[in-house]
Amino acid sequence: MQILSFPEEATPPELRTQVRDLQEQAWPSAGGPVPASHVPTHDPELRPLSMLLVDEGTVLAALDILSKEISHAGEHYAAGGLSTVVTRQERRGLGHGRRLVAAARETMIARKPDLGLFTCDRPLQAFYEGAGWQPLPGAVLIGGTPQDPFPSDRPGFDKVTLGGFFSARARQRRTSFHDSRVELYPGEIDKLW
């Protein structure tokens, strides 16, 4: 078993096809699956890095790290976040997803952003905490665009915001993210990472 990383657009086609199949199982597309070679999953401006846990050519788990600059409480930060975290259905519960999410956190630290932020469904909070991420009490991520915001506390959502504070400056200002609305604005493709 090995963890492989590629810029999303450079992921080998045979692996990208498997990742798209896993994503389609987890989040079925309206109108049927889109071939892996057609549309990127993420906005290229977010510099998506795909991370895959692979065993003898089979993708067991996959995720993407997205990155952008954000402003919050009068400060600018280099931020990253996890997106499209998925584990092969028949291999869930074996620690593959947690291993990959923990490796993604270490990869983010090595890339030296100030912080990592993302949301997850409330029942998955303990899973992400087990991989080293920390809940941000009362924090809401605002996705979409300034003209068409997509907040993580919208009706019908039950999301929790998690984070990691990697730079000294971000660690000092960590509490400014508690009970706040964080303007992430990743765009129209990645409404909320």
N, C-alpha and C. Protein backbone atom coordinates (compact mmCIF):
# COMPACT_ATOMS: atom_id res chain seq x y z
N MET A 1 0.84 -1.17 0.00
CA MET A 1 0.00 0.00 0.00
C MET A 1 0.89 1.24 0.00
N GLN A 2 0.52 2.21 -0.84
CA GLN A 2 1.29 3.44 -0.90
C GLN A 2 0.38 4.64 -1.12
N ILE A 3 0.86 5.78 -0.68
CA ILE A 3 0.14 7.03 -0.91
C ILE A 3 0.84 7.75 -2.05
N LEU A 4 0.06 8.08 -3.07
CA LEU A 4 0.56 8.78 -4.25
C LEU A 4 -0.07 10.16 -4.30
N SER A 5 0.70 11.16 -4.75
CA SER A 5 0.19 12.53 -4.87
C SER A 5 0.48 13.04 -6.27
N PHE A 6 -0.50 13.74 -6.83
CA PHE A 6 -0.37 14.33 -8.16
C PHE A 6 -1.17 15.62 -8.20
N PRO A 7 -0.70 16.62 -8.96
CA PRO A 7 -1.63 17.69 -9.28
C PRO A 7 -2.84 17.03 -9.98
N GLU A 8 -4.04 17.48 -9.69
CA GLU A 8 -5.23 16.80 -10.21
C GLU A 8 -5.13 16.50 -11.70
N GLU A 9 -4.70 17.49 -12.48
CA GLU A 9 -4.67 17.30 -13.93
C GLU A 9 -3.59 16.31 -14.38
N ALA A 10 -2.64 15.98 -13.50
CA ALA A 10 -1.56 15.05 -13.86
C ALA A 10 -1.79 13.65 -13.29
N THR A 11 -2.93 13.40 -12.67
CA THR A 11 -3.22 12.07 -12.13
C THR A 11 -3.32 11.09 -13.30
N PRO A 12 -2.60 9.97 -13.25
CA PRO A 12 -2.68 9.01 -14.36
C PRO A 12 -4.12 8.60 -14.64
N PRO A 13 -4.48 8.50 -15.92
CA PRO A 13 -5.87 8.24 -16.30
C PRO A 13 -6.49 7.00 -15.63
N GLU A 14 -5.73 5.92 -15.50
CA GLU A 14 -6.30 4.71 -14.90
C GLU A 14 -6.65 4.92 -13.43
N LEU A 15 -5.87 5.75 -12.73
CA LEU A 15 -6.18 6.06 -11.33
C LEU A 15 -7.31 7.09 -11.25
N ARG A 16 -7.28 8.08 -12.14
CA ARG A 16 -8.33 9.12 -12.13
C ARG A 16 -9.70 8.49 -12.39
N THR A 17 -9.76 7.50 -13.28
CA THR A 17 -11.02 6.82 -13.56
C THR A 17 -11.54 6.13 -12.30
N GLN A 18 -10.65 5.47 -11.56
CA GLN A 18 -11.07 4.82 -10.32
C GLN A 18 -11.56 5.84 -9.29
N VAL A 19 -10.85 6.97 -9.19
CA VAL A 19 -11.26 8.02 -8.25
C VAL A 19 -12.65 8.52 -8.62
N ARG A 20 -12.88 8.79 -9.90
CA ARG A 20 -14.20 9.27 -10.33
C ARG A 20 -15.28 8.24 -10.01
N ASP A 21 -14.98 6.96 -10.19
CA ASP A 21 -15.96 5.92 -9.85
C ASP A 21 -16.29 5.93 -8.36
N LEU A 22 -15.26 6.11 -7.51
CA LEU A 22 -15.49 6.17 -6.06
C LEU A 22 -16.33 7.40 -5.71
N GLN A 23 -16.02 8.53 -6.33
CA GLN A 23 -16.78 9.75 -6.08
C GLN A 23 -18.22 9.59 -6.54
N GLU A 24 -18.42 8.92 -7.65
CA GLU A 24 -19.78 8.70 -8.17
C GLU A 24 -20.57 7.80 -7.24
N GLN A 25 -19.92 6.81 -6.63
CA GLN A 25 -20.59 5.96 -5.64
C GLN A 25 -21.03 6.79 -4.43
N ALA A 26 -20.16 7.67 -3.98
CA ALA A 26 -20.44 8.46 -2.77
C ALA A 26 -21.42 9.59 -3.04
N TRP A 27 -21.28 10.26 -4.19
CA TRP A 27 -22.10 11.43 -4.51
C TRP A 27 -22.57 11.30 -5.96
N PRO A 28 -23.61 10.52 -6.21
CA PRO A 28 -24.05 10.30 -7.60
C PRO A 28 -24.39 11.61 -8.31
N SER A 29 -23.95 11.71 -9.55
CA SER A 29 -24.20 12.90 -10.38
C SER A 29 -25.61 12.85 -10.93
N ALA A 30 -26.23 14.00 -10.99
CA ALA A 30 -27.51 14.10 -11.70
C ALA A 30 -27.19 13.94 -13.18
N GLY A 31 -27.90 13.07 -13.85
CA GLY A 31 -27.64 12.86 -15.27
C GLY A 31 -26.57 11.84 -15.56
N GLY A 32 -26.09 11.14 -14.54
CA GLY A 32 -25.11 10.08 -14.76
C GLY A 32 -23.68 10.55 -14.61
N PRO A 33 -22.75 9.59 -14.53
CA PRO A 33 -21.34 9.92 -14.31
C PRO A 33 -20.72 10.66 -15.49
N VAL A 34 -19.74 11.51 -15.18
CA VAL A 34 -18.99 12.24 -16.18
C VAL A 34 -17.66 11.52 -16.35
N PRO A 35 -17.25 11.22 -17.59
CA PRO A 35 -15.96 10.54 -17.78
C PRO A 35 -14.82 11.33 -17.15
N ALA A 36 -13.87 10.61 -16.56
CA ALA A 36 -12.76 11.23 -15.84
C ALA A 36 -11.94 12.17 -16.72
N SER A 37 -11.92 11.91 -18.02
CA SER A 37 -11.08 12.71 -18.91
C SER A 37 -11.72 14.04 -19.29
N HIS A 38 -12.98 14.26 -18.96
CA HIS A 38 -13.67 15.45 -19.45
C HIS A 38 -13.50 16.68 -18.57
N VAL A 39 -14.16 16.74 -17.47
CA VAL A 39 -14.18 17.96 -16.66
C VAL A 39 -13.39 17.74 -15.38
N PRO A 40 -12.52 18.70 -15.01
CA PRO A 40 -11.83 18.53 -13.73
C PRO A 40 -12.83 18.61 -12.58
N THR A 41 -12.53 17.92 -11.51
CA THR A 41 -13.39 17.95 -10.34
C THR A 41 -13.34 19.32 -9.68
N HIS A 42 -12.19 19.96 -9.73
CA HIS A 42 -11.97 21.21 -9.01
C HIS A 42 -11.53 22.34 -9.93
N ASP A 43 -11.73 23.56 -9.44
CA ASP A 43 -11.27 24.75 -10.14
C ASP A 43 -9.73 24.74 -10.13
N PRO A 44 -9.10 24.81 -11.30
CA PRO A 44 -7.63 24.79 -11.34
C PRO A 44 -6.98 25.93 -10.54
N GLU A 45 -7.70 27.04 -10.35
CA GLU A 45 -7.13 28.15 -9.57
C GLU A 45 -6.92 27.78 -8.11
N LEU A 46 -7.57 26.70 -7.65
CA LEU A 46 -7.40 26.24 -6.26
C LEU A 46 -6.23 25.27 -6.12
N ARG A 47 -5.48 25.10 -7.19
CA ARG A 47 -4.28 24.24 -7.22
C ARG A 47 -4.53 22.86 -6.60
N PRO A 48 -5.53 22.12 -7.10
CA PRO A 48 -5.87 20.85 -6.48
C PRO A 48 -4.73 19.83 -6.54
N LEU A 49 -4.45 19.26 -5.38
CA LEU A 49 -3.48 18.18 -5.26
C LEU A 49 -4.26 16.92 -4.88
N SER A 50 -4.22 15.92 -5.73
CA SER A 50 -4.92 14.66 -5.46
C SER A 50 -3.99 13.73 -4.68
N MET A 51 -4.52 13.13 -3.63
CA MET A 51 -3.79 12.14 -2.85
C MET A 51 -4.58 10.85 -2.87
N LEU A 52 -3.90 9.76 -3.20
CA LEU A 52 -4.55 8.47 -3.36
C LEU A 52 -3.83 7.41 -2.54
N LEU A 53 -4.60 6.58 -1.84
CA LEU A 53 -4.06 5.41 -1.16
C LEU A 53 -4.30 4.24 -2.11
N VAL A 54 -3.21 3.65 -2.61
CA VAL A 54 -3.30 2.65 -3.68
C VAL A 54 -2.67 1.34 -3.21
N ASP A 55 -3.35 0.25 -3.50
CA ASP A 55 -2.84 -1.08 -3.19
C ASP A 55 -2.88 -1.91 -4.47
N GLU A 56 -1.70 -2.23 -4.99
CA GLU A 56 -1.57 -3.04 -6.21
C GLU A 56 -2.46 -2.52 -7.35
N GLY A 57 -2.40 -1.21 -7.57
CA GLY A 57 -3.13 -0.61 -8.67
C GLY A 57 -4.58 -0.25 -8.39
N THR A 58 -5.07 -0.60 -7.20
CA THR A 58 -6.45 -0.30 -6.83
C THR A 58 -6.48 0.88 -5.87
N VAL A 59 -7.26 1.91 -6.20
CA VAL A 59 -7.41 3.07 -5.33
C VAL A 59 -8.36 2.69 -4.19
N LEU A 60 -7.84 2.71 -2.96
CA LEU A 60 -8.65 2.38 -1.79
C LEU A 60 -9.31 3.62 -1.19
N ALA A 61 -8.63 4.76 -1.26
CA ALA A 61 -9.16 6.01 -0.73
C ALA A 61 -8.53 7.15 -1.52
N ALA A 62 -9.26 8.26 -1.58
CA ALA A 62 -8.77 9.41 -2.33
C ALA A 62 -9.28 10.69 -1.68
N LEU A 63 -8.56 11.77 -1.89
CA LEU A 63 -8.98 13.09 -1.46
C LEU A 63 -8.21 14.11 -2.28
N ASP A 64 -8.65 15.35 -2.18
CA ASP A 64 -7.95 16.45 -2.83
C ASP A 64 -7.70 17.54 -1.80
N ILE A 65 -6.54 18.17 -1.91
CA ILE A 65 -6.21 19.34 -1.11
C ILE A 65 -6.36 20.55 -2.03
N LEU A 66 -7.16 21.52 -1.61
CA LEU A 66 -7.35 22.75 -2.35
C LEU A 66 -6.69 23.89 -1.59
N SER A 67 -6.20 24.90 -2.30
CA SER A 67 -5.45 25.98 -1.65
C SER A 67 -5.84 27.33 -2.23
N LYS A 68 -5.86 28.33 -1.37
CA LYS A 68 -6.09 29.70 -1.82
C LYS A 68 -5.77 30.66 -0.68
N GLU A 69 -5.67 31.93 -1.01
CA GLU A 69 -5.49 32.98 -0.01
C GLU A 69 -6.87 33.40 0.48
N ILE A 70 -6.99 33.62 1.78
CA ILE A 70 -8.23 34.12 2.34
C ILE A 70 -7.94 35.31 3.24
N SER A 71 -8.96 36.09 3.51
CA SER A 71 -8.87 37.19 4.48
C SER A 71 -9.87 36.89 5.59
N HIS A 72 -9.43 37.11 6.82
CA HIS A 72 -10.31 36.88 7.96
C HIS A 72 -9.88 37.79 9.11
N ALA A 73 -10.83 38.51 9.66
CA ALA A 73 -10.61 39.39 10.81
C ALA A 73 -9.41 40.32 10.58
N GLY A 74 -9.35 40.87 9.37
CA GLY A 74 -8.31 41.83 9.05
C GLY A 74 -6.95 41.25 8.73
N GLU A 75 -6.84 39.94 8.62
CA GLU A 75 -5.57 39.27 8.33
C GLU A 75 -5.71 38.46 7.04
N HIS A 76 -4.58 38.27 6.35
CA HIS A 76 -4.53 37.44 5.15
C HIS A 76 -3.80 36.15 5.48
N TYR A 77 -4.32 35.03 4.97
CA TYR A 77 -3.75 33.72 5.27
C TYR A 77 -3.65 32.87 4.00
N ALA A 78 -2.61 32.08 3.92
CA ALA A 78 -2.54 31.01 2.93
C ALA A 78 -3.29 29.84 3.55
N ALA A 79 -4.38 29.43 2.90
CA ALA A 79 -5.23 28.39 3.47
C ALA A 79 -5.33 27.20 2.53
N GLY A 80 -5.54 26.05 3.12
CA GLY A 80 -5.80 24.83 2.37
C GLY A 80 -6.97 24.13 2.99
N GLY A 81 -7.53 23.19 2.27
CA GLY A 81 -8.64 22.43 2.81
C GLY A 81 -8.78 21.10 2.12
N LEU A 82 -9.44 20.18 2.78
CA LEU A 82 -9.70 18.86 2.21
C LEU A 82 -11.01 18.88 1.44
N SER A 83 -11.04 18.13 0.36
CA SER A 83 -12.23 18.03 -0.46
C SER A 83 -12.34 16.62 -1.02
N THR A 84 -13.55 16.22 -1.32
CA THR A 84 -13.86 14.93 -1.96
C THR A 84 -13.13 13.75 -1.31
N VAL A 85 -13.19 13.68 0.01
CA VAL A 85 -12.59 12.57 0.74
C VAL A 85 -13.51 11.36 0.59
N VAL A 86 -12.96 10.26 0.07
CA VAL A 86 -13.79 9.09 -0.19
C VAL A 86 -12.95 7.82 -0.02
N THR A 87 -13.59 6.77 0.50
CA THR A 87 -12.96 5.46 0.64
C THR A 87 -13.81 4.45 -0.11
N ARG A 88 -13.15 3.52 -0.77
CA ARG A 88 -13.86 2.45 -1.48
C ARG A 88 -14.84 1.79 -0.52
N GLN A 89 -16.09 1.69 -0.95
CA GLN A 89 -17.17 1.26 -0.06
C GLN A 89 -16.88 -0.07 0.64
N GLU A 90 -16.40 -1.05 -0.09
CA GLU A 90 -16.17 -2.36 0.51
C GLU A 90 -14.92 -2.40 1.39
N ARG A 91 -14.16 -1.31 1.45
CA ARG A 91 -12.95 -1.27 2.27
C ARG A 91 -13.06 -0.25 3.41
N ARG A 92 -14.26 0.25 3.66
CA ARG A 92 -14.45 1.21 4.75
C ARG A 92 -14.32 0.50 6.10
N GLY A 93 -13.93 1.28 7.10
CA GLY A 93 -13.80 0.74 8.45
C GLY A 93 -12.47 0.06 8.71
N LEU A 94 -11.54 0.11 7.76
CA LEU A 94 -10.24 -0.54 7.92
C LEU A 94 -9.10 0.45 8.17
N GLY A 95 -9.44 1.72 8.31
CA GLY A 95 -8.43 2.73 8.62
C GLY A 95 -7.79 3.38 7.40
N HIS A 96 -8.23 3.01 6.19
CA HIS A 96 -7.62 3.59 4.99
C HIS A 96 -7.88 5.09 4.87
N GLY A 97 -9.12 5.49 5.09
CA GLY A 97 -9.46 6.91 5.00
C GLY A 97 -8.73 7.73 6.05
N ARG A 98 -8.68 7.24 7.26
CA ARG A 98 -7.99 7.97 8.34
C ARG A 98 -6.50 8.11 8.02
N ARG A 99 -5.91 7.03 7.51
CA ARG A 99 -4.49 7.09 7.13
C ARG A 99 -4.26 8.18 6.08
N LEU A 100 -5.13 8.24 5.09
CA LEU A 100 -4.97 9.21 4.01
C LEU A 100 -5.23 10.64 4.51
N VAL A 101 -6.24 10.82 5.34
CA VAL A 101 -6.55 12.16 5.88
C VAL A 101 -5.41 12.65 6.77
N ALA A 102 -4.82 11.77 7.57
CA ALA A 102 -3.68 12.15 8.40
C ALA A 102 -2.48 12.50 7.52
N ALA A 103 -2.26 11.74 6.46
CA ALA A 103 -1.15 12.04 5.53
C ALA A 103 -1.39 13.37 4.83
N ALA A 104 -2.63 13.67 4.51
CA ALA A 104 -2.95 14.95 3.87
C ALA A 104 -2.62 16.10 4.81
N ARG A 105 -2.91 15.93 6.08
CA ARG A 105 -2.58 16.98 7.06
C ARG A 105 -1.07 17.21 7.08
N GLU A 106 -0.29 16.14 7.09
CA GLU A 106 1.17 16.27 7.09
C GLU A 106 1.66 16.90 5.79
N THR A 107 1.03 16.57 4.67
CA THR A 107 1.38 17.17 3.39
C THR A 107 1.10 18.66 3.42
N MET A 108 -0.04 19.03 4.00
CA MET A 108 -0.37 20.45 4.09
C MET A 108 0.66 21.18 4.95
N ILE A 109 1.05 20.60 6.06
CA ILE A 109 2.04 21.23 6.94
C ILE A 109 3.34 21.44 6.16
N ALA A 110 3.75 20.43 5.38
CA ALA A 110 4.99 20.53 4.60
C ALA A 110 4.92 21.60 3.52
N ARG A 111 3.71 21.87 3.02
CA ARG A 111 3.54 22.91 1.99
C ARG A 111 3.50 24.31 2.60
N LYS A 112 3.48 24.40 3.91
CA LYS A 112 3.58 25.64 4.68
C LYS A 112 2.45 26.65 4.48
N PRO A 113 1.20 26.20 4.45
CA PRO A 113 0.14 27.21 4.51
C PRO A 113 0.04 27.69 5.96
N ASP A 114 -0.68 28.77 6.15
CA ASP A 114 -0.91 29.23 7.52
C ASP A 114 -1.87 28.30 8.25
N LEU A 115 -2.88 27.83 7.52
CA LEU A 115 -3.90 27.02 8.18
C LEU A 115 -4.63 26.13 7.18
N GLY A 116 -5.33 25.16 7.73
CA GLY A 116 -6.22 24.30 6.96
C GLY A 116 -7.62 24.43 7.53
N LEU A 117 -8.60 24.53 6.65
CA LEU A 117 -10.01 24.66 7.06
C LEU A 117 -10.87 23.84 6.12
N PHE A 118 -11.86 23.18 6.65
CA PHE A 118 -12.83 22.49 5.81
C PHE A 118 -14.03 22.12 6.67
N THR A 119 -15.10 21.70 6.02
CA THR A 119 -16.29 21.25 6.74
C THR A 119 -16.47 19.76 6.49
N CYS A 120 -17.21 19.14 7.39
CA CYS A 120 -17.61 17.75 7.19
C CYS A 120 -19.01 17.58 7.77
N ASP A 121 -19.67 16.51 7.39
CA ASP A 121 -20.95 16.18 8.00
C ASP A 121 -20.70 15.88 9.48
N ARG A 122 -21.59 16.34 10.33
CA ARG A 122 -21.41 16.20 11.78
C ARG A 122 -21.05 14.77 12.23
N PRO A 123 -21.66 13.72 11.66
CA PRO A 123 -21.30 12.37 12.10
C PRO A 123 -19.85 11.98 11.82
N LEU A 124 -19.16 12.72 10.93
CA LEU A 124 -17.77 12.40 10.59
C LEU A 124 -16.75 13.18 11.43
N GLN A 125 -17.21 14.01 12.34
CA GLN A 125 -16.30 14.84 13.12
C GLN A 125 -15.25 14.00 13.85
N ALA A 126 -15.64 12.94 14.51
CA ALA A 126 -14.69 12.11 15.27
C ALA A 126 -13.66 11.47 14.34
N PHE A 127 -14.08 11.09 13.14
CA PHE A 127 -13.16 10.52 12.15
C PHE A 127 -12.03 11.51 11.86
N TYR A 128 -12.38 12.76 11.57
CA TYR A 128 -11.36 13.77 11.24
C TYR A 128 -10.53 14.15 12.46
N GLU A 129 -11.16 14.21 13.62
CA GLU A 129 -10.39 14.49 14.84
C GLU A 129 -9.36 13.39 15.07
N GLY A 130 -9.72 12.14 14.78
CA GLY A 130 -8.79 11.03 14.93
C GLY A 130 -7.60 11.11 13.99
N ALA A 131 -7.71 11.93 12.95
CA ALA A 131 -6.61 12.12 12.00
C ALA A 131 -5.87 13.43 12.26
N GLY A 132 -6.14 14.06 13.41
CA GLY A 132 -5.36 15.23 13.82
C GLY A 132 -6.01 16.59 13.60
N TRP A 133 -7.22 16.63 13.04
CA TRP A 133 -7.89 17.91 12.82
C TRP A 133 -8.68 18.29 14.08
N GLN A 134 -8.90 19.59 14.28
CA GLN A 134 -9.58 20.07 15.48
C GLN A 134 -10.84 20.84 15.11
N PRO A 135 -11.91 20.65 15.87
CA PRO A 135 -13.14 21.41 15.59
C PRO A 135 -12.96 22.89 15.93
N LEU A 136 -13.63 23.72 15.15
CA LEU A 136 -13.62 25.17 15.40
C LEU A 136 -15.02 25.55 15.84
N PRO A 137 -15.24 25.67 17.14
CA PRO A 137 -16.59 25.90 17.67
C PRO A 137 -17.27 27.11 17.04
N GLY A 138 -18.45 26.89 16.53
CA GLY A 138 -19.26 27.97 15.99
C GLY A 138 -18.80 28.55 14.67
N ALA A 139 -17.73 28.02 14.08
CA ALA A 139 -17.22 28.57 12.81
C ALA A 139 -18.08 28.10 11.65
N VAL A 140 -18.35 29.01 10.74
CA VAL A 140 -19.11 28.73 9.53
C VAL A 140 -18.25 29.15 8.34
N LEU A 141 -18.07 28.25 7.38
CA LEU A 141 -17.36 28.62 6.16
C LEU A 141 -18.36 29.14 5.14
N ILE A 142 -18.02 30.24 4.50
CA ILE A 142 -18.87 30.81 3.46
C ILE A 142 -18.23 30.46 2.12
N GLY A 143 -18.86 29.56 1.39
CA GLY A 143 -18.35 29.14 0.09
C GLY A 143 -18.99 29.93 -1.02
N GLY A 144 -18.91 29.38 -2.24
CA GLY A 144 -19.46 30.05 -3.40
C GLY A 144 -18.64 31.27 -3.76
N THR A 145 -19.33 32.36 -4.05
CA THR A 145 -18.68 33.63 -4.41
C THR A 145 -19.32 34.74 -3.58
N PRO A 146 -18.69 35.92 -3.53
CA PRO A 146 -19.32 37.02 -2.80
C PRO A 146 -20.71 37.37 -3.37
N GLN A 147 -20.89 37.20 -4.68
CA GLN A 147 -22.17 37.50 -5.31
C GLN A 147 -23.21 36.39 -5.09
N ASP A 148 -22.73 35.17 -4.88
CA ASP A 148 -23.61 34.02 -4.68
C ASP A 148 -23.05 33.14 -3.55
N PRO A 149 -23.15 33.62 -2.30
CA PRO A 149 -22.54 32.89 -1.17
C PRO A 149 -23.23 31.54 -0.91
N PHE A 150 -22.44 30.62 -0.39
CA PHE A 150 -22.88 29.26 -0.09
C PHE A 150 -22.38 28.91 1.31
N PRO A 151 -23.09 29.31 2.37
CA PRO A 151 -22.61 29.09 3.74
C PRO A 151 -22.81 27.65 4.21
N SER A 152 -21.90 27.22 5.07
CA SER A 152 -21.98 25.85 5.58
C SER A 152 -23.08 25.67 6.62
N ASP A 153 -23.74 26.76 7.03
CA ASP A 153 -24.87 26.63 7.97
C ASP A 153 -26.21 26.83 7.26
N ARG A 154 -26.23 26.64 5.95
CA ARG A 154 -27.48 26.81 5.20
C ARG A 154 -28.50 25.76 5.62
N PRO A 155 -29.77 26.02 5.44
CA PRO A 155 -30.81 25.05 5.82
C PRO A 155 -30.59 23.69 5.14
N GLY A 156 -30.76 22.65 5.92
CA GLY A 156 -30.60 21.29 5.40
C GLY A 156 -29.19 20.74 5.56
N PHE A 157 -28.24 21.59 5.91
CA PHE A 157 -26.86 21.15 6.14
C PHE A 157 -26.69 20.87 7.62
N ASP A 158 -25.85 19.92 7.95
CA ASP A 158 -25.46 19.67 9.34
C ASP A 158 -23.95 19.51 9.34
N LYS A 159 -23.27 20.62 9.16
CA LYS A 159 -21.82 20.64 8.98
C LYS A 159 -21.10 21.11 10.23
N VAL A 160 -19.88 20.64 10.36
CA VAL A 160 -18.95 21.05 11.40
C VAL A 160 -17.71 21.58 10.68
N THR A 161 -17.13 22.65 11.18
CA THR A 161 -15.89 23.17 10.61
C THR A 161 -14.72 22.67 11.43
N LEU A 162 -13.72 22.15 10.72
CA LEU A 162 -12.50 21.65 11.35
C LEU A 162 -11.31 22.43 10.82
N GLY A 163 -10.24 22.44 11.58
CA GLY A 163 -9.07 23.16 11.13
C GLY A 163 -7.79 22.68 11.75
N GLY A 164 -6.73 23.22 11.21
CA GLY A 164 -5.39 23.03 11.73
C GLY A 164 -4.66 24.35 11.55
N PHE A 165 -3.95 24.80 12.56
CA PHE A 165 -3.26 26.08 12.52
C PHE A 165 -1.77 25.79 12.49
N PHE A 166 -1.14 26.08 11.34
CA PHE A 166 0.21 25.61 11.09
C PHE A 166 1.27 26.68 11.30
N SER A 167 0.98 27.93 10.97
CA SER A 167 1.99 28.98 11.18
C SER A 167 1.81 29.58 12.58
N ALA A 168 2.89 30.18 13.08
CA ALA A 168 2.83 30.81 14.41
C ALA A 168 1.77 31.90 14.43
N ARG A 169 1.68 32.69 13.36
CA ARG A 169 0.70 33.77 13.29
C ARG A 169 -0.72 33.22 13.34
N ALA A 170 -0.98 32.15 12.60
CA ALA A 170 -2.32 31.55 12.61
C ALA A 170 -2.64 30.97 13.98
N ARG A 171 -1.66 30.33 14.62
CA ARG A 171 -1.90 29.77 15.96
C ARG A 171 -2.25 30.88 16.96
N GLN A 172 -1.59 32.02 16.84
CA GLN A 172 -1.87 33.15 17.74
C GLN A 172 -3.28 33.69 17.54
N ARG A 173 -3.79 33.58 16.32
CA ARG A 173 -5.10 34.16 16.01
C ARG A 173 -6.20 33.09 15.89
N ARG A 174 -5.91 31.92 16.36
CA ARG A 174 -6.85 30.80 16.25
C ARG A 174 -8.25 31.14 16.76
N THR A 175 -8.34 31.79 17.92
CA THR A 175 -9.66 32.04 18.49
C THR A 175 -10.49 33.01 17.65
N SER A 176 -9.84 33.76 16.75
CA SER A 176 -10.62 34.65 15.87
C SER A 176 -11.48 33.85 14.89
N PHE A 177 -11.19 32.57 14.75
CA PHE A 177 -11.98 31.71 13.86
C PHE A 177 -13.16 31.07 14.59
N HIS A 178 -13.13 31.07 15.92
CA HIS A 178 -14.24 30.50 16.69
C HIS A 178 -15.45 31.43 16.56
N ASP A 179 -16.63 30.83 16.49
CA ASP A 179 -17.88 31.60 16.44
C ASP A 179 -17.82 32.72 15.41
N SER A 180 -17.31 32.40 14.23
CA SER A 180 -17.16 33.41 13.19
C SER A 180 -17.62 32.86 11.84
N ARG A 181 -17.78 33.77 10.92
CA ARG A 181 -18.12 33.42 9.54
C ARG A 181 -16.87 33.69 8.71
N VAL A 182 -16.30 32.63 8.14
CA VAL A 182 -15.04 32.71 7.42
C VAL A 182 -15.33 32.74 5.93
N GLU A 183 -14.95 33.83 5.27
CA GLU A 183 -15.20 34.00 3.85
C GLU A 183 -14.17 33.24 3.03
N LEU A 184 -14.50 32.02 2.69
CA LEU A 184 -13.63 31.15 1.92
C LEU A 184 -13.73 31.46 0.43
N TYR A 185 -14.93 31.54 -0.10
CA TYR A 185 -15.23 31.87 -1.50
C TYR A 185 -14.35 31.12 -2.50
N PRO A 186 -14.47 29.78 -2.56
CA PRO A 186 -13.67 29.03 -3.53
C PRO A 186 -14.22 29.06 -4.96
N GLY A 187 -15.41 29.65 -5.19
CA GLY A 187 -15.92 29.80 -6.54
C GLY A 187 -17.14 28.97 -6.82
N GLU A 188 -17.48 28.88 -8.10
CA GLU A 188 -18.69 28.19 -8.54
C GLU A 188 -18.52 26.68 -8.65
N ILE A 189 -17.32 26.19 -8.99
CA ILE A 189 -17.11 24.75 -9.13
C ILE A 189 -17.05 24.10 -7.75
N ASP A 190 -16.21 24.65 -6.91
CA ASP A 190 -16.02 24.13 -5.53
C ASP A 190 -16.77 25.06 -4.59
N LYS A 191 -18.07 24.93 -4.56
CA LYS A 191 -18.86 25.84 -3.74
C LYS A 191 -18.40 25.84 -2.29
N LEU A 192 -18.03 24.68 -1.79
CA LEU A 192 -17.57 24.56 -0.42
C LEU A 192 -16.63 23.37 -0.37
N TRP A 193 -15.37 23.61 0.00
CA TRP A 193 -14.47 22.46 0.02
C TRP A 193 -14.55 21.74 1.31
